[in-house]
Amino acid sequence: MKTQSYYDDLTAEQTIKLRDLIKRLPPFCKEFFRAIDSKTQVRTRIAYAYDLHVFFEYLRSENPVYKNFTMQDFKPEDLDKIESVDLEEYMEYLKIYHNDEKRMHNTETGVFRKMSALRSFYAYYYKRQVIKTNPTLLVDMPKIREHDIIRLEADEVAKLLDHIENGGNQLTGQRRTFYEKTKERDFAIITLLLGTGIRVSELVGLDITDVDFNNYGIHIIRKGRKEMTVYFGDEVADALEGYINGTRAKIIPKEGHENALFYSLQRKRIGVKAVQNLVKKYAKEVTPLKRITPHKLRSTYGTALYQETDDIYLVAEVLGHSDVNTTRKHYAAMSDTRRRQAATKVRLREKHDDT
């Protein structure tokens, strides 16, 4: 069974962060977070806490009734005083607003998420008859436009991996030294992301003991603390072996980080932000017009797997989607190319020469 010390530590940190965020909200909000504790992940509740804080700050700054309120002054009955028109104005406010003197922008997705959090919040107190009205049900949710999946094409994948392997050959001095220190690690990280479709959060949580070269698999913990083995091919195996037997073997890790698979230059377990930055750095050199992130590498893998197998259920299982409809929404459109090809395969009449 996989050791969960990393995830236990992460959950503990997130729990402490959540408690601090709840303290910044009106006191009655604690009841809501207790109620959803067993149904949601900690990071989901953290997002709710941030979103609700934005709502109450909006009331304090934009609604004259609450201009002299502190967070401690809000009571459940204040929710009953909010009308649908207030929430429509709030949705408009969410597009651009200031938070601690910093300008914040929200896309349709960001506005949708904040309104969804508010809907859940209102629904909880309305269901328990703490409040008499639920104006969130009277407001149309923002429509989210469908966007094309941004991913790497096959030739771009090859160029990216070639760039990581050979891109530092022209460098000199400290830049060349830095490149040599990180090349094997970065190549293994990006090859693993492209070759398995795992999430960046799953990658940074990997321990050295999670890699099974006998069965070509990695043992990961997915959302909801579900354990799963994801299998990889020869290219991933070669990249991992090169890093483990090369750069990693020379590292003396900091105390408490001895089991990590991937290390930062500080000899600690590498973090999500560091992986995001290194993916962005290399991809920018190869595909400057595409904003490539670890999640886009996941999409690249999912797309390639679907095109090769035409099996949406297999893609869903490998990517760890709990609902196959999520997978279908993202990848089934890829079969449009195959359907177009089908249109040319059936002839109704043979062509005749006009001569």
Protein backbone atom coordinates (compact mmCIF):
# COMPACT_ATOMS: atom_id res chain seq x y z
CA MET A 1 0.00 0.00 0.00
CA LYS A 2 1.30 3.44 -0.92
CA THR A 3 2.57 5.59 1.92
CA GLN A 4 0.40 8.66 2.20
CA SER A 5 2.66 10.86 4.35
CA TYR A 6 2.99 13.47 1.60
CA TYR A 7 -0.76 13.63 1.12
CA ASP A 8 -1.39 13.60 4.86
CA ASP A 9 0.96 16.57 5.25
CA LEU A 10 -0.66 18.36 2.34
CA THR A 11 -4.15 17.79 3.75
CA ALA A 12 -3.01 19.08 7.14
CA GLU A 13 -1.62 22.25 5.56
CA GLN A 14 -4.79 22.80 3.56
CA THR A 15 -6.97 22.18 6.64
CA ILE A 16 -5.09 24.84 8.61
CA LYS A 17 -5.42 27.23 5.67
CA LEU A 18 -9.16 26.55 5.49
CA ARG A 19 -9.60 27.26 9.19
CA ASP A 20 -7.86 30.60 8.79
CA LEU A 21 -10.06 31.48 5.83
CA ILE A 22 -13.26 30.56 7.69
CA LYS A 23 -12.23 32.88 10.54
CA ARG A 24 -12.30 35.75 8.03
CA LEU A 25 -15.94 34.99 7.16
CA PRO A 26 -19.11 35.77 9.14
CA PRO A 27 -19.35 33.40 12.15
CA PHE A 28 -22.50 31.64 10.92
CA CYS A 29 -20.60 30.34 7.86
CA LYS A 30 -18.89 27.68 9.98
CA GLU A 31 -22.09 25.65 9.96
CA PHE A 32 -22.06 25.50 6.16
CA PHE A 33 -18.47 24.26 6.00
CA ARG A 34 -19.12 21.62 8.64
CA ALA A 35 -22.08 20.36 6.61
CA ILE A 36 -20.09 19.92 3.37
CA ASP A 37 -16.97 18.53 5.07
CA SER A 38 -17.67 14.87 4.26
CA LYS A 39 -18.89 15.59 0.73
CA THR A 40 -16.05 17.72 -0.60
CA GLN A 41 -12.27 17.85 -0.74
CA VAL A 42 -10.36 20.36 1.35
CA ARG A 43 -9.23 22.36 -1.65
CA THR A 44 -12.85 22.62 -2.83
CA ARG A 45 -13.83 24.10 0.54
CA ILE A 46 -10.88 26.48 0.34
CA ALA A 47 -12.18 27.69 -3.03
CA TYR A 48 -15.65 28.14 -1.50
CA ALA A 49 -14.17 30.17 1.35
CA TYR A 50 -12.35 32.48 -1.05
CA ASP A 51 -15.46 32.91 -3.20
CA LEU A 52 -17.75 33.64 -0.26
CA HIS A 53 -15.27 36.16 1.11
CA VAL A 54 -15.47 38.01 -2.22
CA PHE A 55 -19.28 38.07 -1.92
CA PHE A 56 -19.35 39.52 1.59
CA GLU A 57 -16.65 42.04 0.72
CA TYR A 58 -18.78 43.07 -2.25
CA LEU A 59 -21.74 43.71 0.05
CA ARG A 60 -19.58 45.82 2.35
CA SER A 61 -18.04 47.90 -0.43
CA GLU A 62 -20.90 48.22 -2.92
CA ASN A 63 -24.16 47.93 -0.95
CA PRO A 64 -24.97 51.07 1.14
CA VAL A 65 -26.89 48.97 3.69
CA TYR A 66 -23.68 47.18 4.69
CA LYS A 67 -21.09 49.92 4.31
CA ASN A 68 -20.45 50.05 8.08
CA PHE A 69 -20.53 46.28 8.58
CA THR A 70 -17.60 44.17 9.62
CA MET A 71 -17.51 40.50 8.70
CA GLN A 72 -18.59 39.66 12.23
CA ASP A 73 -21.78 41.70 11.84
CA PHE A 74 -23.39 39.59 9.12
CA LYS A 75 -26.20 37.26 10.20
CA PRO A 76 -28.17 34.61 8.26
CA GLU A 77 -31.14 36.97 8.03
CA ASP A 78 -29.01 39.33 5.94
CA LEU A 79 -29.10 36.73 3.17
CA ASP A 80 -32.88 37.22 3.02
CA LYS A 81 -32.38 40.90 2.29
CA ILE A 82 -30.51 40.20 -0.93
CA GLU A 83 -32.63 40.25 -4.09
CA SER A 84 -32.00 38.84 -7.53
CA VAL A 85 -31.11 42.29 -8.89
CA ASP A 86 -28.37 42.52 -6.26
CA LEU A 87 -26.92 39.25 -7.50
CA GLU A 88 -27.07 40.39 -11.12
CA GLU A 89 -25.08 43.45 -10.10
CA TYR A 90 -22.70 41.16 -8.23
CA MET A 91 -22.10 39.09 -11.38
CA GLU A 92 -21.23 42.25 -13.25
CA TYR A 93 -18.92 43.30 -10.40
CA LEU A 94 -17.09 39.96 -10.57
CA LYS A 95 -15.79 40.64 -14.07
CA ILE A 96 -13.35 43.23 -12.69
CA TYR A 97 -12.91 44.20 -9.05
CA HIS A 98 -10.22 45.10 -6.54
CA ASN A 99 -9.01 42.82 -3.78
CA ASP A 100 -6.42 44.17 -1.34
CA GLU A 101 -5.56 46.90 -3.87
CA LYS A 102 -5.01 44.28 -6.56
CA ARG A 103 -7.17 44.29 -9.68
CA MET A 104 -8.91 40.95 -10.19
CA HIS A 105 -10.34 39.65 -13.46
CA ASN A 106 -12.79 36.79 -13.93
CA THR A 107 -13.63 34.95 -17.12
CA GLU A 108 -17.05 33.37 -17.60
CA THR A 109 -15.66 30.28 -15.88
CA GLY A 110 -14.52 32.31 -12.87
CA VAL A 111 -17.88 34.06 -12.53
CA PHE A 112 -19.68 30.73 -12.92
CA ARG A 113 -17.59 29.17 -10.15
CA LYS A 114 -18.23 32.01 -7.72
CA MET A 115 -21.96 31.97 -8.44
CA SER A 116 -22.02 28.18 -8.01
CA ALA A 117 -20.42 28.55 -4.59
CA LEU A 118 -23.01 31.16 -3.64
CA ARG A 119 -25.83 28.92 -4.86
CA SER A 120 -24.60 26.06 -2.70
CA PHE A 121 -24.28 28.44 0.25
CA TYR A 122 -27.83 29.76 -0.12
CA ALA A 123 -29.24 26.29 -0.82
CA TYR A 124 -27.87 24.98 2.48
CA TYR A 125 -29.55 27.62 4.64
CA TYR A 126 -32.74 27.62 2.58
CA LYS A 127 -33.13 23.84 2.82
CA ARG A 128 -32.76 24.03 6.60
CA GLN A 129 -35.32 26.88 6.74
CA VAL A 130 -32.81 29.27 8.25
CA ILE A 131 -33.69 31.74 5.49
CA LYS A 132 -36.98 32.23 3.66
CA THR A 133 -35.75 33.07 0.16
CA ASN A 134 -33.15 31.85 -2.30
CA PRO A 135 -32.58 34.57 -4.90
CA THR A 136 -29.71 32.65 -6.50
CA LEU A 137 -32.34 30.46 -8.22
CA LEU A 138 -33.82 33.53 -9.91
CA VAL A 139 -30.55 34.55 -11.57
CA ASP A 140 -29.38 32.99 -14.81
CA MET A 141 -25.94 31.48 -14.49
CA PRO A 142 -23.32 32.84 -16.89
CA LYS A 143 -22.94 30.86 -20.07
CA ILE A 144 -19.55 29.29 -20.56
CA ARG A 145 -18.35 29.27 -24.14
CA GLU A 146 -16.90 26.05 -25.45
CA HIS A 147 -13.19 26.35 -26.20
CA ASP A 148 -11.09 24.15 -28.39
CA ILE A 149 -8.76 21.88 -26.47
CA ILE A 150 -5.26 23.33 -26.55
CA ARG A 151 -2.78 20.53 -26.98
CA LEU A 152 0.47 19.68 -28.69
CA GLU A 153 0.46 18.07 -32.11
CA ALA A 154 2.63 15.00 -32.67
CA ASP A 155 5.45 16.98 -34.30
CA GLU A 156 5.35 19.52 -31.45
CA VAL A 157 5.69 16.74 -28.88
CA ALA A 158 8.80 15.48 -30.68
CA LYS A 159 10.24 19.00 -30.91
CA LEU A 160 9.57 19.62 -27.21
CA LEU A 161 11.38 16.47 -26.08
CA ASP A 162 14.26 17.12 -28.50
CA HIS A 163 14.56 20.66 -27.15
CA ILE A 164 14.83 19.45 -23.55
CA GLU A 165 17.46 16.87 -24.50
CA ASN A 166 19.57 19.08 -26.76
CA GLY A 167 18.44 22.68 -26.24
CA GLY A 168 21.28 23.50 -23.86
CA ASN A 169 24.08 22.52 -26.21
CA GLN A 170 24.50 26.12 -27.32
CA LEU A 171 24.50 27.52 -23.79
CA THR A 172 27.58 28.58 -21.86
CA GLY A 173 28.55 29.49 -18.31
CA GLN A 174 25.97 29.39 -15.53
CA ARG A 175 23.10 28.82 -17.94
CA ARG A 176 24.79 25.68 -19.24
CA THR A 177 25.48 24.50 -15.67
CA PHE A 178 21.82 25.00 -14.68
CA TYR A 179 20.65 23.20 -17.81
CA GLU A 180 22.85 20.17 -17.11
CA LYS A 181 21.63 19.99 -13.49
CA THR A 182 17.97 19.90 -14.47
CA LYS A 183 17.96 18.29 -17.93
CA GLU A 184 17.42 14.66 -16.89
CA ARG A 185 14.82 15.59 -14.27
CA ASP A 186 12.89 17.90 -16.60
CA PHE A 187 13.01 15.39 -19.44
CA ALA A 188 11.67 12.66 -17.14
CA ILE A 189 8.91 14.92 -15.79
CA ILE A 190 7.63 16.04 -19.17
CA THR A 191 7.96 12.57 -20.70
CA LEU A 192 5.99 11.14 -17.78
CA LEU A 193 3.23 13.76 -18.16
CA LEU A 194 3.02 13.20 -21.91
CA GLY A 195 3.23 9.42 -21.63
CA THR A 196 0.67 8.81 -18.88
CA GLY A 197 -1.63 11.85 -18.67
CA ILE A 198 -1.31 12.07 -14.89
CA ARG A 199 -2.12 15.32 -13.13
CA VAL A 200 0.69 17.57 -11.94
CA SER A 201 -0.57 17.14 -8.35
CA GLU A 202 -0.21 13.37 -8.78
CA LEU A 203 3.28 13.74 -10.22
CA VAL A 204 4.70 15.83 -7.38
CA GLY A 205 3.31 13.32 -4.87
CA LEU A 206 5.24 10.41 -6.37
CA ASP A 207 7.78 8.59 -4.22
CA ILE A 208 10.70 6.60 -5.61
CA THR A 209 8.99 3.41 -4.40
CA ASP A 210 5.95 4.20 -6.53
CA VAL A 211 7.84 3.37 -9.73
CA ASP A 212 7.59 -0.28 -10.74
CA PHE A 213 9.91 -1.03 -13.65
CA ASN A 214 9.02 -4.73 -13.58
CA ASN A 215 5.42 -4.00 -14.54
CA TYR A 216 6.01 -0.61 -16.14
CA GLY A 217 3.66 1.16 -13.77
CA ILE A 218 3.49 4.04 -11.30
CA HIS A 219 1.35 3.95 -8.19
CA ILE A 220 -0.50 7.22 -7.68
CA ILE A 221 -3.17 8.71 -5.44
CA ARG A 222 -5.93 10.42 -7.38
CA LYS A 223 -8.69 12.78 -6.33
CA GLY A 224 -10.59 11.54 -3.30
CA ARG A 225 -7.47 9.66 -2.14
CA LYS A 226 -8.15 6.81 -4.56
CA GLU A 227 -5.11 4.64 -5.24
CA MET A 228 -4.41 3.52 -8.80
CA THR A 229 -1.63 2.09 -10.94
CA VAL A 230 -1.00 3.88 -14.24
CA TYR A 231 1.09 2.08 -16.82
CA PHE A 232 3.75 3.54 -19.09
CA GLY A 233 5.72 2.57 -22.18
CA ASP A 234 9.38 2.21 -23.08
CA GLU A 235 9.98 5.91 -23.67
CA VAL A 236 8.77 6.83 -20.20
CA ALA A 237 10.73 3.95 -18.68
CA ASP A 238 13.94 5.10 -20.36
CA ALA A 239 13.45 8.70 -19.21
CA LEU A 240 12.73 7.66 -15.61
CA GLU A 241 15.68 5.26 -15.48
CA GLY A 242 18.00 7.90 -16.89
CA TYR A 243 16.97 10.38 -14.20
CA ILE A 244 16.85 7.91 -11.28
CA ASN A 245 20.24 6.38 -12.08
CA GLY A 246 21.76 9.71 -13.07
CA THR A 247 20.90 13.07 -11.52
CA ARG A 248 18.71 11.73 -8.72
CA ALA A 249 21.32 9.22 -7.53
CA LYS A 250 23.70 12.11 -6.79
CA ILE A 251 21.24 14.12 -4.70
CA ILE A 252 21.46 14.18 -0.92
CA PRO A 253 17.86 15.12 -0.02
CA LYS A 254 16.83 17.37 2.82
CA GLU A 255 15.43 15.66 5.88
CA GLY A 256 11.83 14.62 5.38
CA HIS A 257 12.17 14.47 1.60
CA GLU A 258 14.15 11.26 1.25
CA ASN A 259 11.40 9.33 -0.57
CA ALA A 260 10.44 11.91 -3.18
CA LEU A 261 10.87 10.92 -6.81
CA PHE A 262 11.45 14.42 -8.18
CA TYR A 263 13.52 17.06 -6.37
CA SER A 264 13.90 20.80 -6.65
CA LEU A 265 17.36 22.37 -6.68
CA GLN A 266 16.87 22.88 -2.94
CA ARG A 267 16.88 19.06 -2.61
CA LYS A 268 13.25 19.04 -1.50
CA ARG A 269 10.23 17.41 -3.14
CA ILE A 270 9.44 19.45 -6.22
CA GLY A 271 6.23 21.51 -6.04
CA VAL A 272 3.34 22.06 -8.42
CA LYS A 273 4.41 25.63 -9.23
CA ALA A 274 7.95 24.52 -10.16
CA VAL A 275 6.61 21.90 -12.58
CA GLN A 276 4.22 24.43 -14.11
CA ASN A 277 7.10 26.86 -14.62
CA LEU A 278 9.43 24.34 -16.24
CA VAL A 279 6.71 23.13 -18.63
CA LYS A 280 5.95 26.72 -19.58
CA LYS A 281 9.65 27.51 -20.08
CA TYR A 282 10.36 24.66 -22.49
CA ALA A 283 7.06 24.84 -24.35
CA LYS A 284 7.47 28.56 -24.98
CA GLU A 285 10.60 27.83 -27.00
CA VAL A 286 8.84 25.25 -29.16
CA THR A 287 5.26 26.56 -29.45
CA PRO A 288 5.32 30.28 -28.55
CA LEU A 289 1.73 30.82 -29.74
CA LYS A 290 0.29 28.14 -27.46
CA ARG A 291 0.05 28.56 -23.69
CA ILE A 292 1.13 25.08 -22.65
CA THR A 293 0.66 23.92 -19.05
CA PRO A 294 0.90 20.48 -17.40
CA HIS A 295 -2.86 20.17 -17.90
CA LYS A 296 -2.39 20.79 -21.63
CA LEU A 297 0.12 17.91 -21.68
CA ARG A 298 -2.60 15.80 -20.05
CA SER A 299 -4.98 16.85 -22.82
CA THR A 300 -2.31 15.97 -25.38
CA TYR A 301 -2.09 12.45 -23.95
CA GLY A 302 -5.87 12.04 -23.72
CA THR A 303 -6.33 13.17 -27.31
CA ALA A 304 -3.62 10.85 -28.62
CA LEU A 305 -5.01 7.89 -26.67
CA TYR A 306 -8.53 8.50 -27.97
CA GLN A 307 -7.36 8.87 -31.56
CA GLU A 308 -5.44 5.59 -31.31
CA THR A 309 -8.13 3.53 -29.53
CA ASP A 310 -11.46 5.29 -30.21
CA ASP A 311 -12.39 4.03 -26.73
CA ILE A 312 -13.80 6.84 -24.59
CA TYR A 313 -14.22 4.52 -21.59
CA LEU A 314 -10.55 3.56 -21.66
CA VAL A 315 -9.55 7.23 -21.83
CA ALA A 316 -11.83 8.03 -18.88
CA GLU A 317 -10.38 5.19 -16.81
CA VAL A 318 -6.75 6.05 -17.52
CA LEU A 319 -7.23 9.76 -16.89
CA GLY A 320 -9.11 9.05 -13.67
CA HIS A 321 -12.38 10.75 -14.64
CA SER A 322 -15.18 9.68 -12.31
CA ASP A 323 -17.78 10.56 -14.96
CA VAL A 324 -17.26 9.38 -18.52
CA ASN A 325 -19.37 12.33 -19.71
CA THR A 326 -16.52 14.59 -18.65
CA THR A 327 -14.22 12.66 -20.95
CA ARG A 328 -16.76 12.55 -23.75
CA LYS A 329 -17.25 16.30 -23.58
CA HIS A 330 -13.53 16.92 -24.04
CA TYR A 331 -12.45 14.20 -26.42
CA ALA A 332 -15.40 12.72 -28.31
CA ALA A 333 -15.39 15.67 -30.69
CA MET A 334 -12.08 14.31 -31.94
CA SER A 335 -13.98 11.57 -33.76
CA ASP A 336 -15.39 14.21 -36.09
CA THR A 337 -12.36 13.69 -38.32
CA ARG A 338 -13.17 10.01 -38.64
CA ARG A 339 -16.80 10.77 -39.42
CA ARG A 340 -15.69 13.13 -42.17
CA GLN A 341 -13.56 10.35 -43.62
CA ALA A 342 -16.61 8.08 -43.64
CA ALA A 343 -18.43 10.48 -45.95
CA THR A 344 -16.00 9.71 -48.75
CA LYS A 345 -16.12 5.93 -48.38
CA VAL A 346 -19.63 5.29 -49.69
CA ARG A 347 -20.42 6.09 -53.32
CA LEU A 348 -24.02 6.27 -54.48
CA ARG A 349 -23.15 6.26 -58.18
CA GLU A 350 -20.07 5.57 -60.18
CA LYS A 351 -18.58 8.59 -61.89
CA HIS A 352 -19.03 8.68 -65.67
CA ASP A 353 -16.73 10.35 -68.11
CA ASP A 354 -18.37 13.13 -70.07
CA THR A 355 -16.39 12.29 -73.16
